[in-house]
């Protein structure tokens, strides 16, 4: 049974999410603030976190940062605010989806299902280590090393890098990257891809040129087999 952590300071919202999540076969743990959520993540493993932005003690963005320091757990962020800045900032922190309140519980569960299925598919039957010169990607462990030194990537940066590598030497449009990595209903634009590509290139250092820009199209990962 997959485990969800629902973090929101409004009990009624937690209650609604719990009801629909349990109906869909999930085990649910609740937290009323960010500090409690971080503490729970230190003690337990969760398959996905539904996290509100506006909370007492520790807001959702800060909570997300702290959790990502501990574990790589997919996060869906909830907010009553739909500003583009909030959405882009959330995705840059490594969240997997952003849902604006009020929301449909059925749609929220659909998004939860998609993210968990995508995460499972990305690791299923992939325990090998990929090497391109001094760049090494351990798929099962979700780690990246450059010339023997491990580099830190956000979950979305890793997903983007592996997707590029999995489709190496194939031109990938920004729209396709947004659709396949961020989901069918992502609230963002090309700047999200460009920002993540820039961060990836910085992390890859001497191998940054393996990510090739295709003007007017998108990007591709280019390396010898």
Protein backbone atom coordinates (compact mmCIF):
# COMPACT_ATOMS: atom_id res chain seq x y z
CA UNK A 1 0.00 0.00 0.00
CA UNK A 2 1.38 3.39 -0.99
CA UNK A 3 1.79 5.93 1.80
CA UNK A 4 0.79 9.59 1.49
CA UNK A 5 1.66 12.45 3.82
CA UNK A 6 -0.96 15.23 3.70
CA UNK A 7 0.29 18.54 5.11
CA UNK A 8 -2.26 21.36 5.53
CA UNK A 9 -3.27 23.55 8.47
CA UNK A 10 -6.95 23.22 7.53
CA UNK A 11 -8.43 20.04 9.09
CA UNK A 12 -11.36 19.96 6.67
CA UNK A 13 -9.03 19.87 3.65
CA UNK A 14 -6.96 17.08 5.22
CA UNK A 15 -10.19 15.19 5.93
CA UNK A 16 -11.40 15.43 2.33
CA UNK A 17 -8.04 14.36 0.91
CA UNK A 18 -7.84 11.47 3.37
CA UNK A 19 -11.31 10.25 2.43
CA UNK A 20 -10.56 10.19 -1.30
CA UNK A 21 -7.02 8.84 -0.85
CA UNK A 22 -8.13 5.96 1.35
CA UNK A 23 -10.90 5.19 -1.12
CA UNK A 24 -8.16 4.90 -3.75
CA UNK A 25 -6.22 2.49 -1.59
CA UNK A 26 -3.63 4.81 -0.04
CA UNK A 27 -2.47 4.89 3.57
CA UNK A 28 -2.61 8.48 4.82
CA UNK A 29 -0.67 10.34 7.51
CA UNK A 30 -1.63 13.93 8.38
CA UNK A 31 0.37 16.93 9.55
CA UNK A 32 -0.99 20.36 10.42
CA UNK A 33 2.22 22.33 9.87
CA UNK A 34 5.55 22.17 8.08
CA UNK A 35 7.73 21.47 11.11
CA UNK A 36 5.66 18.41 11.96
CA UNK A 37 5.91 17.24 8.36
CA UNK A 38 9.71 17.50 8.34
CA UNK A 39 9.86 15.55 11.59
CA UNK A 40 7.64 12.80 10.18
CA UNK A 41 9.82 12.52 7.06
CA UNK A 42 12.88 12.00 9.25
CA UNK A 43 11.16 9.05 10.92
CA UNK A 44 9.12 7.53 8.09
CA UNK A 45 9.14 6.88 4.37
CA UNK A 46 6.34 8.18 2.14
CA UNK A 47 5.58 7.59 -1.51
CA UNK A 48 4.20 11.12 -2.05
CA UNK A 49 3.54 14.31 -0.10
CA UNK A 50 0.61 16.69 -0.62
CA UNK A 51 1.88 19.98 0.78
CA UNK A 52 0.09 23.30 1.35
CA UNK A 53 2.07 26.54 0.90
CA UNK A 54 0.42 28.84 3.45
CA UNK A 55 0.98 27.24 6.86
CA UNK A 56 2.05 28.34 10.35
CA UNK A 57 5.54 27.74 11.75
CA UNK A 58 7.06 26.71 8.42
CA UNK A 59 5.59 27.56 5.01
CA UNK A 60 5.30 25.03 2.21
CA UNK A 61 8.33 26.27 0.25
CA UNK A 62 10.60 26.06 3.31
CA UNK A 63 9.13 22.69 4.24
CA UNK A 64 9.82 21.42 0.72
CA UNK A 65 13.46 22.55 0.94
CA UNK A 66 13.96 20.79 4.27
CA UNK A 67 12.33 17.56 3.12
CA UNK A 68 14.41 17.48 -0.08
CA UNK A 69 17.54 17.63 2.08
CA UNK A 70 16.43 14.42 3.76
CA UNK A 71 14.70 12.29 1.14
CA UNK A 72 13.71 12.25 -2.51
CA UNK A 73 9.92 12.16 -2.16
CA UNK A 74 7.52 13.39 -4.88
CA UNK A 75 5.58 16.48 -3.79
CA UNK A 76 2.30 17.98 -4.98
CA UNK A 77 1.97 21.55 -3.72
CA UNK A 78 -1.40 23.10 -2.83
CA UNK A 79 -2.07 26.82 -2.78
CA UNK A 80 -4.93 29.28 -2.80
CA UNK A 81 -2.65 31.48 -4.89
CA UNK A 82 -2.26 30.78 -8.59
CA UNK A 83 0.49 33.27 -9.43
CA UNK A 84 3.00 32.09 -12.00
CA UNK A 85 5.89 33.04 -9.72
CA UNK A 86 4.72 30.66 -7.00
CA UNK A 87 4.35 27.84 -9.49
CA UNK A 88 7.74 28.36 -11.10
CA UNK A 89 9.44 28.69 -7.73
CA UNK A 90 7.83 25.47 -6.57
CA UNK A 91 8.99 23.56 -9.64
CA UNK A 92 12.50 24.94 -9.26
CA UNK A 93 12.50 23.53 -5.71
CA UNK A 94 11.73 20.12 -7.20
CA UNK A 95 7.99 19.67 -6.71
CA UNK A 96 6.19 17.38 -9.13
CA UNK A 97 2.88 19.20 -9.50
CA UNK A 98 1.03 22.32 -8.35
CA UNK A 99 -2.70 22.40 -7.61
CA UNK A 100 -4.64 25.61 -6.96
CA UNK A 101 -7.39 25.71 -4.32
CA UNK A 102 -10.28 25.10 -4.54
CA UNK A 103 -9.54 21.81 -6.27
CA UNK A 104 -11.35 18.66 -7.29
CA UNK A 105 -10.37 15.78 -4.97
CA UNK A 106 -10.85 13.35 -7.87
CA UNK A 107 -8.45 15.33 -10.04
CA UNK A 108 -5.95 15.53 -7.18
CA UNK A 109 -6.04 11.74 -6.83
CA UNK A 110 -5.57 11.39 -10.58
CA UNK A 111 -2.44 13.52 -10.33
CA UNK A 112 -1.20 11.46 -7.37
CA UNK A 113 -1.69 8.25 -9.37
CA UNK A 114 0.15 9.63 -12.40
CA UNK A 115 3.16 10.76 -10.38
CA UNK A 116 3.50 7.47 -8.49
CA UNK A 117 3.12 5.43 -11.67
CA UNK A 118 5.71 7.60 -13.42
CA UNK A 119 8.15 7.24 -10.53
CA UNK A 120 7.70 3.46 -10.51
CA UNK A 121 8.15 3.23 -14.27
CA UNK A 122 11.38 5.22 -14.13
CA UNK A 123 13.02 2.74 -11.76
CA UNK A 124 11.41 -0.54 -12.80
CA UNK A 125 13.96 -2.97 -14.26
CA UNK A 126 16.63 -0.27 -14.35
CA UNK A 127 19.39 -1.16 -11.94
CA UNK A 128 22.34 -0.48 -14.23
CA UNK A 129 24.84 2.35 -14.12
CA UNK A 130 25.23 4.50 -17.23
CA UNK A 131 28.63 6.00 -18.02
CA UNK A 132 29.57 8.66 -20.54
CA UNK A 133 33.27 9.45 -20.14
CA UNK A 134 33.51 10.74 -16.55
CA UNK A 135 29.76 11.20 -16.17
CA UNK A 136 28.10 8.35 -14.24
CA UNK A 137 24.38 7.95 -13.58
CA UNK A 138 23.17 5.30 -11.15
CA UNK A 139 19.53 4.82 -12.11
CA UNK A 140 18.42 2.70 -9.18
CA UNK A 141 20.07 4.96 -6.61
CA UNK A 142 19.16 8.14 -8.53
CA UNK A 143 22.67 9.55 -8.15
CA UNK A 144 24.95 11.40 -10.54
CA UNK A 145 28.74 11.61 -10.35
CA UNK A 146 31.15 13.76 -12.31
CA UNK A 147 34.73 12.43 -12.44
CA UNK A 148 34.06 10.40 -9.31
CA UNK A 149 32.47 13.24 -7.32
CA UNK A 150 28.78 13.04 -6.57
CA UNK A 151 26.78 16.10 -7.58
CA UNK A 152 23.50 17.13 -6.00
CA UNK A 153 20.47 17.47 -8.26
CA UNK A 154 16.86 18.22 -7.46
CA UNK A 155 14.43 15.38 -8.27
CA UNK A 156 13.18 17.24 -11.33
CA UNK A 157 16.73 17.91 -12.54
CA UNK A 158 17.47 14.22 -12.23
CA UNK A 159 14.25 13.30 -14.06
CA UNK A 160 15.14 15.71 -16.86
CA UNK A 161 18.71 14.44 -17.15
CA UNK A 162 17.67 10.80 -17.23
CA UNK A 163 14.92 11.51 -19.76
CA UNK A 164 17.44 13.23 -22.02
CA UNK A 165 19.87 10.31 -21.63
CA UNK A 166 17.16 7.71 -22.16
CA UNK A 167 16.35 9.48 -25.44
CA UNK A 168 19.95 10.38 -26.25
CA UNK A 169 20.76 11.66 -29.73
CA UNK A 170 17.05 12.39 -30.26
CA UNK A 171 15.79 15.96 -30.63
CA UNK A 172 13.27 16.74 -27.88
CA UNK A 173 11.06 19.79 -28.02
CA UNK A 174 10.40 21.89 -24.93
CA UNK A 175 6.70 21.01 -25.16
CA UNK A 176 7.49 17.30 -25.11
CA UNK A 177 9.82 17.71 -22.14
CA UNK A 178 7.19 19.67 -20.23
CA UNK A 179 4.48 17.13 -21.07
CA UNK A 180 6.47 13.98 -20.32
CA UNK A 181 8.33 15.17 -17.22
CA UNK A 182 6.10 17.78 -15.60
CA UNK A 183 2.77 16.22 -16.57
CA UNK A 184 -0.22 16.69 -18.75
CA UNK A 185 -1.48 19.86 -17.08
CA UNK A 186 1.66 21.78 -16.11
CA UNK A 187 1.17 25.48 -15.37
CA UNK A 188 4.36 26.92 -16.79
CA UNK A 189 6.30 27.76 -19.91
CA UNK A 190 9.60 27.20 -21.69
CA UNK A 191 11.49 29.12 -19.02
CA UNK A 192 11.02 26.20 -16.65
CA UNK A 193 12.87 23.88 -19.04
CA UNK A 194 15.58 26.44 -19.77
CA UNK A 195 16.19 27.05 -16.06
CA UNK A 196 16.54 23.34 -15.34
CA UNK A 197 18.84 22.85 -18.35
CA UNK A 198 21.05 25.69 -17.11
CA UNK A 199 21.24 24.12 -13.65
CA UNK A 200 22.01 20.70 -15.14
CA UNK A 201 24.83 22.07 -17.27
CA UNK A 202 26.34 23.79 -14.25
CA UNK A 203 26.18 20.52 -12.32
CA UNK A 204 27.75 18.47 -15.14
CA UNK A 205 30.76 20.80 -15.35
CA UNK A 206 33.19 19.49 -18.01
CA UNK A 207 30.40 17.42 -19.57
CA UNK A 208 27.93 20.27 -19.90
CA UNK A 209 28.26 20.21 -23.70
CA UNK A 210 26.63 16.78 -23.79
CA UNK A 211 23.34 18.66 -23.45
CA UNK A 212 22.98 20.29 -26.84
CA UNK A 213 20.69 23.23 -27.59
CA UNK A 214 18.69 22.89 -30.80
CA UNK A 215 17.67 26.40 -31.74
CA UNK A 216 13.96 26.75 -32.34
CA UNK A 217 13.36 23.15 -31.24
CA UNK A 218 14.62 22.19 -27.81
CA UNK A 219 17.44 20.00 -26.53
CA UNK A 220 19.12 16.63 -26.88
CA UNK A 221 21.72 14.62 -25.01
CA UNK A 222 24.59 13.82 -27.33
CA UNK A 223 27.25 11.31 -26.32
CA UNK A 224 29.02 8.26 -27.70
CA UNK A 225 27.54 4.91 -26.72
